[in-house]
C-alpha cells in the first residue's frame, strides 16, 4: 500500500502590519493558486484529507486550490501548525492522520514546511529543485510504501512531483 503526502507552502503574501496571522494572499498569490489548482486537477493530484495551518494566508491558499479544480477535501486547521517547525508538522502527519486516508496535504509556512519536505525525501533520489529552497506556493508530492501514517520514517519518501510558481 502507498501513502501520498502533498507538502505545500502558502502562496505569496505581502508583509503588512503587525498581525502575521491575519496576512492575506497577494493578487499574485491568488493567481498562482488558481493555476496550481487547475494543474493539480489536470494531473489527477487530489488529496483525500488536508491539515492546514489556521492562518489567513494558508486558508486562502487551500481554499483557492480546492475551488480551482481539486474539489472539496475534508480539512482540519490544527493551531499547532501555524509557523510550526518540521517536527511538529511530522507529528501531525504521522500521529493525527486517520489511516483510512491514502493521501494527505500539509499546508503551512516556511521554514517548517520546507524542512518537512527535505526531512521526508529520500536523499539519494531527491531532485535538485528541492535543494534550492521553497518559494511561496511550491508543492512537493511524496510517496511512501507504508500502510499506516505512523510508519513514515525520515528520508523514506519518493518525490514524484514538484510544482513551483511560474512553472505550472
Protein backbone atom coordinates (compact mmCIF):
# COMPACT_ATOMS: atom_id res chain seq x y z
CA UNK A 1 0.00 0.00 0.00
CA UNK A 2 1.12 3.56 -0.65
CA UNK A 3 0.56 6.77 1.29
CA UNK A 4 0.96 10.10 -0.53
CA UNK A 5 1.82 13.43 1.06
CA UNK A 6 1.29 16.81 -0.60
CA UNK A 7 3.56 19.39 1.05
CA UNK A 8 2.52 22.95 0.20
CA UNK A 9 3.87 26.29 1.30
CA UNK A 10 1.23 29.01 1.33
CA UNK A 11 1.17 31.33 -1.67
CA UNK A 12 2.71 34.79 -1.83
CA UNK A 13 1.51 37.15 0.89
CA UNK A 14 2.63 40.76 1.33
CA UNK A 15 4.37 41.80 4.53
CA UNK A 16 2.00 44.23 6.20
CA UNK A 17 1.09 45.37 9.68
CA UNK A 18 1.90 43.60 12.89
CA UNK A 19 -0.65 40.78 12.72
CA UNK A 20 1.17 38.00 10.88
CA UNK A 21 -1.69 35.53 11.49
CA UNK A 22 -4.17 37.69 9.52
CA UNK A 23 -1.93 38.39 6.49
CA UNK A 24 -3.92 37.70 3.28
CA UNK A 25 -2.63 36.42 -0.04
CA UNK A 26 -1.44 38.92 -2.62
CA UNK A 27 -3.06 39.12 -6.05
CA UNK A 28 -0.14 37.06 -7.39
CA UNK A 29 -0.68 34.53 -4.61
CA UNK A 30 -4.32 34.06 -5.61
CA UNK A 31 -3.38 33.79 -9.30
CA UNK A 32 -0.65 31.24 -8.55
CA UNK A 33 -3.05 29.08 -6.51
CA UNK A 34 -5.72 29.19 -9.21
CA UNK A 35 -3.10 27.95 -11.66
CA UNK A 36 -1.86 25.31 -9.22
CA UNK A 37 -5.40 24.07 -8.53
CA UNK A 38 -6.04 23.73 -12.27
CA UNK A 39 -2.71 21.94 -12.79
CA UNK A 40 -3.38 19.57 -9.90
CA UNK A 41 -6.84 18.75 -11.26
CA UNK A 42 -5.49 18.17 -14.77
CA UNK A 43 -2.75 15.88 -13.40
CA UNK A 44 -5.11 13.95 -11.09
CA UNK A 45 -3.44 15.27 -7.94
CA UNK A 46 -6.09 15.47 -5.25
CA UNK A 47 -5.52 14.53 -1.62
CA UNK A 48 -8.15 12.78 0.48
CA UNK A 49 -7.53 14.98 3.52
CA UNK A 50 -5.74 18.19 4.49
CA UNK A 51 -4.02 19.51 7.61
CA UNK A 52 -3.91 23.28 7.07
CA UNK A 53 -2.43 25.98 9.27
CA UNK A 54 -5.24 28.21 10.57
CA UNK A 55 -3.53 31.44 9.40
CA UNK A 56 -5.49 33.50 6.90
CA UNK A 57 -2.97 33.09 4.05
CA UNK A 58 -2.82 29.28 4.37
CA UNK A 59 -6.61 29.01 4.50
CA UNK A 60 -6.88 31.22 1.40
CA UNK A 61 -4.19 29.15 -0.34
CA UNK A 62 -6.03 25.89 0.26
CA UNK A 63 -9.50 27.26 -0.49
CA UNK A 64 -8.31 28.74 -3.81
CA UNK A 65 -6.78 25.40 -4.85
CA UNK A 66 -9.90 23.41 -3.98
CA UNK A 67 -12.13 25.92 -5.78
CA UNK A 68 -9.88 25.86 -8.85
CA UNK A 69 -10.33 22.22 -9.71
CA UNK A 70 -9.22 19.93 -6.90
CA UNK A 71 -12.69 19.93 -5.35
CA UNK A 72 -13.77 19.71 -1.74
CA UNK A 73 -11.34 17.97 0.60
CA UNK A 74 -12.01 17.24 4.25
CA UNK A 75 -9.74 19.67 6.13
CA UNK A 76 -8.74 20.45 9.68
CA UNK A 77 -6.91 23.53 10.95
CA UNK A 78 -4.65 22.47 13.83
CA UNK A 79 -3.49 25.50 15.77
CA UNK A 80 -0.06 23.94 16.28
CA UNK A 81 0.56 24.10 12.51
CA UNK A 82 0.84 27.91 12.49
CA UNK A 83 4.55 28.70 11.91
CA UNK A 84 5.34 25.18 13.13
CA UNK A 85 8.76 23.55 12.88
CA UNK A 86 9.16 20.40 10.79
CA UNK A 87 8.97 18.15 13.86
CA UNK A 88 5.52 19.41 14.79
CA UNK A 89 4.30 19.01 11.20
CA UNK A 90 5.75 15.49 11.06
CA UNK A 91 3.96 14.62 14.30
CA UNK A 92 0.66 15.92 12.90
CA UNK A 93 1.16 13.89 9.71
CA UNK A 94 2.15 10.64 11.39
CA UNK A 95 0.09 10.78 14.59
CA UNK A 96 -3.03 12.80 13.70
CA UNK A 97 -3.94 11.41 10.27
CA UNK A 98 -6.53 8.68 10.04
CA UNK A 99 -5.16 5.61 8.26
CA UNK A 100 -8.31 5.32 6.13
CA UNK A 101 -6.96 8.25 4.07
CA UNK A 102 -4.41 7.29 1.42
CA UNK A 103 -3.25 10.84 0.74
CA UNK A 104 -2.97 13.99 2.80
CA UNK A 105 -1.98 17.61 2.16
CA UNK A 106 0.09 19.58 4.64
CA UNK A 107 -0.34 23.35 4.10
CA UNK A 108 1.88 25.51 6.25
CA UNK A 109 4.72 28.05 6.48
CA UNK A 110 8.45 28.27 5.94
CA UNK A 111 10.87 27.24 7.20
CA UNK A 112 8.94 24.34 8.75
CA UNK A 113 7.13 23.18 5.62
CA UNK A 114 10.31 23.19 3.51
CA UNK A 115 12.22 21.41 6.25
CA UNK A 116 9.46 18.78 6.38
CA UNK A 117 9.81 18.11 2.63
CA UNK A 118 13.59 17.74 2.92
CA UNK A 119 13.25 15.65 6.11
CA UNK A 120 10.92 13.16 4.39
CA UNK A 121 12.58 12.95 0.96
CA UNK A 122 14.97 10.11 0.14
CA UNK A 123 18.28 12.00 -0.10
CA UNK A 124 19.69 9.65 -2.73
CA UNK A 125 16.76 10.30 -5.09
CA UNK A 126 15.99 13.91 -4.15
CA UNK A 127 15.52 16.14 -7.20
CA UNK A 128 17.79 19.20 -7.32
CA UNK A 129 14.78 21.56 -7.22
CA UNK A 130 14.13 20.54 -3.63
CA UNK A 131 17.60 21.57 -2.53
CA UNK A 132 17.08 25.13 -3.80
CA UNK A 133 14.67 26.29 -1.09
CA UNK A 134 10.92 26.57 -1.11
CA UNK A 135 9.37 29.67 -2.55
CA UNK A 136 5.80 30.63 -1.71
CA UNK A 137 3.27 28.40 -3.49
CA UNK A 138 5.60 25.43 -4.02
CA UNK A 139 4.09 21.94 -3.87
CA UNK A 140 6.05 18.72 -3.38
CA UNK A 141 4.36 15.34 -3.64
CA UNK A 142 5.99 12.34 -1.95
CA UNK A 143 5.00 8.69 -1.92
CA UNK A 144 5.71 6.22 0.88
CA UNK A 145 5.48 2.44 0.72
CA UNK A 146 3.63 2.06 4.04
CA UNK A 147 0.19 1.04 5.23
CA UNK A 148 -0.08 3.40 8.19
CA UNK A 149 0.88 7.05 8.57
CA UNK A 150 2.80 6.24 11.75
CA UNK A 151 5.15 4.05 9.67
CA UNK A 152 6.53 7.01 7.69
CA UNK A 153 10.21 7.45 8.50
CA UNK A 154 12.60 10.30 7.70
CA UNK A 155 14.27 10.15 4.28
CA UNK A 156 11.91 7.40 3.08
CA UNK A 157 9.72 9.34 0.66
CA UNK A 158 10.00 9.26 -3.11
CA UNK A 159 9.43 12.70 -4.63
CA UNK A 160 7.05 12.22 -7.55
CA UNK A 161 6.21 15.85 -8.31
CA UNK A 162 7.49 19.34 -7.59
CA UNK A 163 5.40 22.26 -8.80
CA UNK A 164 6.91 25.73 -8.49
CA UNK A 165 5.05 29.01 -9.20
CA UNK A 166 5.67 30.46 -12.67
CA UNK A 167 6.46 26.91 -13.84
CA UNK A 168 2.94 25.47 -13.57
